[in-house]
Amino acid sequence: MTDCLFCKIISGEIPSKKVYEDDYVYAFEDIAPQAPVHILFVPKEHIPMASAITSENSGVISKIYEAIAKVAHEKGLDEDGYRIVNNCGENAGQTVFHLHFHLLGGKKLELKMC
């Protein structure tokens, strides 16, 4: 997708602080971190949001969660815990319409419910 910010980051057109990459997943540091560790995990395939996951593209979700577990372990987050967040749609706070998951950790996170 030519106008997608995350597609441009994945392609290297826009620079990022890469944390992880494999054939399916690209992960990079968030530019406005909400925790000491705040990393975005995105599929290399453009999927607009969680509601666009189908039987044809759902396999990438397991690849993303495998990458999150690996990076969380490397960052030492698995001992004290971490949060994984996905916003689906504008009303949920999604601002970039390329499926992505936030890995947050490195401090005690507040539980904020609506």
N, C-alpha and C. Protein backbone atom coordinates (compact mmCIF):
# COMPACT_ATOMS: atom_id res chain seq x y z
N MET A 1 0.86 -1.18 0.00
CA MET A 1 0.00 0.00 0.00
C MET A 1 0.90 1.24 0.00
N THR A 2 0.74 2.12 -0.94
CA THR A 2 1.68 3.22 -1.14
C THR A 2 1.56 4.33 -0.10
N ASP A 3 0.40 4.54 0.48
CA ASP A 3 0.22 5.64 1.44
C ASP A 3 0.37 5.20 2.89
N CYS A 4 0.66 3.95 3.12
CA CYS A 4 0.69 3.41 4.48
C CYS A 4 2.03 3.71 5.15
N LEU A 5 1.97 4.38 6.29
CA LEU A 5 3.16 4.72 7.06
C LEU A 5 3.98 3.48 7.41
N PHE A 6 3.32 2.44 7.90
CA PHE A 6 4.05 1.25 8.33
C PHE A 6 4.62 0.48 7.14
N CYS A 7 3.93 0.48 5.99
CA CYS A 7 4.50 -0.15 4.79
C CYS A 7 5.77 0.58 4.38
N LYS A 8 5.78 1.91 4.52
CA LYS A 8 6.97 2.69 4.18
C LYS A 8 8.10 2.41 5.16
N ILE A 9 7.77 2.20 6.43
CA ILE A 9 8.80 1.85 7.42
C ILE A 9 9.37 0.48 7.12
N ILE A 10 8.51 -0.48 6.81
CA ILE A 10 8.96 -1.85 6.50
C ILE A 10 9.89 -1.84 5.29
N SER A 11 9.55 -1.04 4.29
CA SER A 11 10.36 -1.01 3.05
C SER A 11 11.65 -0.22 3.21
N GLY A 12 11.78 0.51 4.32
CA GLY A 12 12.98 1.32 4.55
C GLY A 12 12.88 2.73 4.00
N GLU A 13 11.73 3.04 3.40
CA GLU A 13 11.51 4.39 2.86
C GLU A 13 11.49 5.44 3.97
N ILE A 14 10.98 5.05 5.12
CA ILE A 14 10.98 5.90 6.32
C ILE A 14 11.84 5.18 7.36
N PRO A 15 12.81 5.87 7.96
CA PRO A 15 13.69 5.21 8.93
C PRO A 15 12.96 4.83 10.22
N SER A 16 13.47 3.79 10.86
CA SER A 16 12.94 3.36 12.15
C SER A 16 14.08 2.74 12.93
N LYS A 17 13.85 2.55 14.22
CA LYS A 17 14.81 1.85 15.07
C LYS A 17 14.36 0.39 15.15
N LYS A 18 14.84 -0.40 14.20
CA LYS A 18 14.43 -1.80 14.10
C LYS A 18 14.90 -2.58 15.32
N VAL A 19 13.99 -3.40 15.83
CA VAL A 19 14.27 -4.27 16.98
C VAL A 19 14.29 -5.73 16.54
N TYR A 20 13.46 -6.06 15.54
CA TYR A 20 13.31 -7.45 15.12
C TYR A 20 12.80 -7.47 13.69
N GLU A 21 13.24 -8.50 12.95
CA GLU A 21 12.71 -8.70 11.60
C GLU A 21 12.88 -10.15 11.21
N ASP A 22 11.85 -10.70 10.57
CA ASP A 22 11.94 -12.00 9.93
C ASP A 22 11.15 -11.92 8.63
N ASP A 23 10.83 -13.04 8.03
CA ASP A 23 10.13 -13.03 6.74
C ASP A 23 8.71 -12.48 6.83
N TYR A 24 8.12 -12.49 8.03
CA TYR A 24 6.71 -12.13 8.18
C TYR A 24 6.45 -10.89 9.03
N VAL A 25 7.39 -10.58 9.92
CA VAL A 25 7.17 -9.56 10.96
C VAL A 25 8.30 -8.54 10.96
N TYR A 26 7.93 -7.30 11.21
CA TYR A 26 8.91 -6.23 11.41
C TYR A 26 8.54 -5.55 12.72
N ALA A 27 9.52 -5.31 13.59
CA ALA A 27 9.27 -4.67 14.87
C ALA A 27 10.23 -3.51 15.05
N PHE A 28 9.71 -2.41 15.60
CA PHE A 28 10.52 -1.21 15.76
C PHE A 28 10.05 -0.42 16.98
N GLU A 29 10.94 0.42 17.49
CA GLU A 29 10.62 1.23 18.67
C GLU A 29 9.57 2.28 18.31
N ASP A 30 8.62 2.49 19.22
CA ASP A 30 7.60 3.51 19.04
C ASP A 30 8.25 4.89 19.18
N ILE A 31 7.83 5.84 18.35
CA ILE A 31 8.42 7.19 18.40
C ILE A 31 7.89 8.02 19.57
N ALA A 32 6.79 7.59 20.18
CA ALA A 32 6.24 8.28 21.35
C ALA A 32 5.97 7.23 22.44
N PRO A 33 7.03 6.68 23.04
CA PRO A 33 6.86 5.56 23.96
C PRO A 33 6.01 5.90 25.18
N GLN A 34 5.17 4.93 25.54
CA GLN A 34 4.31 5.06 26.72
C GLN A 34 4.83 4.24 27.90
N ALA A 35 5.98 3.61 27.71
CA ALA A 35 6.62 2.80 28.76
C ALA A 35 8.11 2.73 28.41
N PRO A 36 8.95 2.31 29.36
CA PRO A 36 10.38 2.20 29.07
C PRO A 36 10.67 1.32 27.85
N VAL A 37 9.88 0.26 27.68
CA VAL A 37 9.95 -0.55 26.47
C VAL A 37 8.61 -0.39 25.76
N HIS A 38 8.65 0.11 24.54
CA HIS A 38 7.43 0.27 23.73
C HIS A 38 7.81 -0.01 22.29
N ILE A 39 7.46 -1.21 21.85
CA ILE A 39 7.85 -1.69 20.53
C ILE A 39 6.59 -2.04 19.75
N LEU A 40 6.56 -1.65 18.47
CA LEU A 40 5.46 -2.00 17.59
C LEU A 40 5.83 -3.21 16.75
N PHE A 41 4.93 -4.16 16.64
CA PHE A 41 5.10 -5.36 15.82
C PHE A 41 4.07 -5.31 14.71
N VAL A 42 4.53 -5.36 13.46
CA VAL A 42 3.63 -5.26 12.32
C VAL A 42 3.89 -6.42 11.36
N PRO A 43 2.82 -6.91 10.73
CA PRO A 43 3.05 -7.90 9.68
C PRO A 43 3.62 -7.21 8.45
N LYS A 44 4.49 -7.88 7.72
CA LYS A 44 5.01 -7.30 6.50
C LYS A 44 3.93 -7.21 5.43
N GLU A 45 2.97 -8.10 5.50
CA GLU A 45 1.80 -8.04 4.61
C GLU A 45 0.87 -6.95 5.12
N HIS A 46 0.37 -6.10 4.23
CA HIS A 46 -0.53 -5.04 4.66
C HIS A 46 -1.90 -5.64 5.00
N ILE A 47 -2.25 -5.57 6.28
CA ILE A 47 -3.57 -5.94 6.77
C ILE A 47 -4.04 -4.71 7.53
N PRO A 48 -5.14 -4.09 7.15
CA PRO A 48 -5.52 -2.80 7.75
C PRO A 48 -5.78 -2.82 9.26
N MET A 49 -6.43 -3.87 9.75
CA MET A 49 -6.77 -3.92 11.18
C MET A 49 -7.19 -5.33 11.54
N ALA A 50 -7.38 -5.58 12.82
CA ALA A 50 -7.72 -6.92 13.29
C ALA A 50 -8.99 -7.46 12.66
N SER A 51 -9.93 -6.60 12.37
CA SER A 51 -11.19 -7.06 11.77
C SER A 51 -11.00 -7.53 10.33
N ALA A 52 -9.83 -7.29 9.74
CA ALA A 52 -9.54 -7.74 8.37
C ALA A 52 -8.77 -9.06 8.36
N ILE A 53 -8.61 -9.69 9.53
CA ILE A 53 -7.93 -10.98 9.59
C ILE A 53 -8.88 -12.05 9.03
N THR A 54 -8.35 -12.87 8.14
CA THR A 54 -9.13 -13.92 7.49
C THR A 54 -8.38 -15.25 7.63
N SER A 55 -9.01 -16.31 7.16
CA SER A 55 -8.33 -17.61 7.20
C SER A 55 -7.11 -17.60 6.29
N GLU A 56 -7.09 -16.75 5.27
CA GLU A 56 -5.95 -16.67 4.36
C GLU A 56 -4.75 -15.95 4.97
N ASN A 57 -4.96 -14.99 5.88
CA ASN A 57 -3.84 -14.21 6.42
C ASN A 57 -3.62 -14.39 7.92
N SER A 58 -4.42 -15.21 8.56
CA SER A 58 -4.35 -15.32 10.02
C SER A 58 -3.07 -15.97 10.54
N GLY A 59 -2.37 -16.70 9.71
CA GLY A 59 -1.13 -17.34 10.16
C GLY A 59 -0.09 -16.35 10.63
N VAL A 60 -0.15 -15.13 10.12
CA VAL A 60 0.83 -14.12 10.52
C VAL A 60 0.66 -13.72 11.99
N ILE A 61 -0.52 -13.90 12.54
CA ILE A 61 -0.74 -13.53 13.94
C ILE A 61 0.12 -14.40 14.85
N SER A 62 0.21 -15.68 14.57
CA SER A 62 1.08 -16.53 15.41
C SER A 62 2.53 -16.12 15.25
N LYS A 63 2.93 -15.72 14.05
CA LYS A 63 4.30 -15.25 13.83
C LYS A 63 4.58 -13.98 14.64
N ILE A 64 3.60 -13.09 14.71
CA ILE A 64 3.75 -11.86 15.48
C ILE A 64 3.89 -12.19 16.97
N TYR A 65 3.04 -13.08 17.48
CA TYR A 65 3.11 -13.43 18.90
C TYR A 65 4.41 -14.18 19.23
N GLU A 66 4.91 -14.98 18.31
CA GLU A 66 6.20 -15.63 18.52
C GLU A 66 7.31 -14.58 18.60
N ALA A 67 7.25 -13.57 17.73
CA ALA A 67 8.25 -12.50 17.74
C ALA A 67 8.15 -11.69 19.02
N ILE A 68 6.93 -11.40 19.47
CA ILE A 68 6.75 -10.65 20.71
C ILE A 68 7.36 -11.42 21.88
N ALA A 69 7.09 -12.71 21.97
CA ALA A 69 7.64 -13.51 23.07
C ALA A 69 9.17 -13.50 23.04
N LYS A 70 9.74 -13.62 21.87
CA LYS A 70 11.20 -13.62 21.74
C LYS A 70 11.79 -12.29 22.19
N VAL A 71 11.24 -11.19 21.69
CA VAL A 71 11.77 -9.87 22.04
C VAL A 71 11.52 -9.56 23.52
N ALA A 72 10.35 -9.91 24.03
CA ALA A 72 10.06 -9.68 25.46
C ALA A 72 11.09 -10.41 26.33
N HIS A 73 11.44 -11.63 25.94
CA HIS A 73 12.45 -12.38 26.69
C HIS A 73 13.81 -11.68 26.58
N GLU A 74 14.19 -11.28 25.37
CA GLU A 74 15.48 -10.60 25.17
C GLU A 74 15.57 -9.31 25.97
N LYS A 75 14.44 -8.61 26.13
CA LYS A 75 14.41 -7.35 26.88
C LYS A 75 14.23 -7.57 28.37
N GLY A 76 14.11 -8.83 28.81
CA GLY A 76 13.95 -9.14 30.23
C GLY A 76 12.57 -8.83 30.77
N LEU A 77 11.57 -8.79 29.92
CA LEU A 77 10.22 -8.43 30.36
C LEU A 77 9.41 -9.63 30.84
N ASP A 78 9.81 -10.83 30.47
CA ASP A 78 8.98 -11.98 30.79
C ASP A 78 8.94 -12.31 32.28
N GLU A 79 9.92 -11.85 33.04
CA GLU A 79 9.92 -12.14 34.47
C GLU A 79 8.86 -11.32 35.22
N ASP A 80 8.78 -10.01 34.95
CA ASP A 80 7.84 -9.14 35.65
C ASP A 80 6.54 -8.91 34.89
N GLY A 81 6.51 -9.23 33.63
CA GLY A 81 5.30 -9.09 32.84
C GLY A 81 5.34 -7.93 31.87
N TYR A 82 4.43 -7.99 30.93
CA TYR A 82 4.33 -6.97 29.90
C TYR A 82 2.91 -6.96 29.36
N ARG A 83 2.61 -5.96 28.57
CA ARG A 83 1.28 -5.80 27.98
C ARG A 83 1.41 -5.81 26.46
N ILE A 84 0.43 -6.44 25.81
CA ILE A 84 0.31 -6.42 24.36
C ILE A 84 -1.02 -5.74 24.05
N VAL A 85 -0.98 -4.71 23.19
CA VAL A 85 -2.19 -3.94 22.88
C VAL A 85 -2.39 -3.89 21.38
N ASN A 86 -3.64 -4.06 20.96
CA ASN A 86 -4.04 -3.86 19.58
C ASN A 86 -5.30 -3.02 19.58
N ASN A 87 -5.27 -1.91 18.87
CA ASN A 87 -6.45 -1.06 18.70
C ASN A 87 -7.04 -1.36 17.34
N CYS A 88 -8.34 -1.63 17.30
CA CYS A 88 -9.00 -2.00 16.05
C CYS A 88 -10.04 -0.95 15.71
N GLY A 89 -9.69 -0.06 14.79
CA GLY A 89 -10.62 0.95 14.32
C GLY A 89 -10.44 2.29 15.01
N GLU A 90 -10.99 3.29 14.38
CA GLU A 90 -10.84 4.67 14.84
C GLU A 90 -11.35 4.89 16.26
N ASN A 91 -12.51 4.35 16.60
CA ASN A 91 -13.07 4.55 17.94
C ASN A 91 -12.24 3.89 19.03
N ALA A 92 -11.42 2.93 18.66
CA ALA A 92 -10.55 2.25 19.63
C ALA A 92 -9.19 2.94 19.74
N GLY A 93 -8.96 3.96 18.91
CA GLY A 93 -7.70 4.70 18.98
C GLY A 93 -6.69 4.31 17.92
N GLN A 94 -7.10 3.49 16.94
CA GLN A 94 -6.16 3.14 15.87
C GLN A 94 -5.94 4.36 14.99
N THR A 95 -4.68 4.75 14.82
CA THR A 95 -4.36 5.92 14.00
C THR A 95 -3.62 5.55 12.72
N VAL A 96 -2.95 4.40 12.70
CA VAL A 96 -2.31 3.91 11.48
C VAL A 96 -3.04 2.63 11.10
N PHE A 97 -3.62 2.62 9.91
CA PHE A 97 -4.45 1.49 9.51
C PHE A 97 -3.64 0.42 8.78
N HIS A 98 -2.71 -0.12 9.57
CA HIS A 98 -1.92 -1.31 9.23
C HIS A 98 -1.86 -2.06 10.56
N LEU A 99 -2.36 -3.27 10.58
CA LEU A 99 -2.42 -4.06 11.80
C LEU A 99 -1.09 -3.97 12.55
N HIS A 100 -1.18 -3.69 13.85
CA HIS A 100 0.04 -3.63 14.67
C HIS A 100 -0.30 -3.91 16.12
N PHE A 101 0.71 -4.39 16.82
CA PHE A 101 0.59 -4.72 18.23
C PHE A 101 1.67 -3.96 18.98
N HIS A 102 1.28 -3.34 20.09
CA HIS A 102 2.20 -2.61 20.96
C HIS A 102 2.67 -3.56 22.05
N LEU A 103 3.97 -3.67 22.23
CA LEU A 103 4.56 -4.38 23.37
C LEU A 103 5.01 -3.30 24.35
N LEU A 104 4.44 -3.33 25.55
CA LEU A 104 4.75 -2.33 26.58
C LEU A 104 5.26 -3.04 27.82
N GLY A 105 6.34 -2.51 28.39
CA GLY A 105 6.87 -3.11 29.61
C GLY A 105 8.00 -2.29 30.18
N GLY A 106 8.62 -2.85 31.20
CA GLY A 106 9.74 -2.17 31.84
C GLY A 106 9.35 -1.36 33.05
N LYS A 107 8.07 -1.37 33.40
CA LYS A 107 7.57 -0.71 34.61
C LYS A 107 6.21 -1.30 34.93
N LYS A 108 5.72 -1.00 36.11
CA LYS A 108 4.37 -1.44 36.48
C LYS A 108 3.39 -0.57 35.70
N LEU A 109 2.55 -1.20 34.91
CA LEU A 109 1.60 -0.49 34.07
C LEU A 109 0.26 -0.36 34.77
N GLU A 110 -0.32 0.81 34.66
CA GLU A 110 -1.64 1.05 35.26
C GLU A 110 -2.70 0.31 34.45
N LEU A 111 -3.73 -0.13 35.13
CA LEU A 111 -4.86 -0.73 34.46
C LEU A 111 -5.90 0.35 34.25
N LYS A 112 -6.10 0.72 33.00
CA LYS A 112 -7.07 1.77 32.67
C LYS A 112 -8.20 1.14 31.88
N MET A 113 -9.37 1.17 32.43
CA MET A 113 -10.54 0.64 31.74
C MET A 113 -11.51 1.77 31.49
N CYS A 114 -12.24 1.64 30.42
CA CYS A 114 -13.21 2.69 30.07
C CYS A 114 -14.39 2.68 31.00
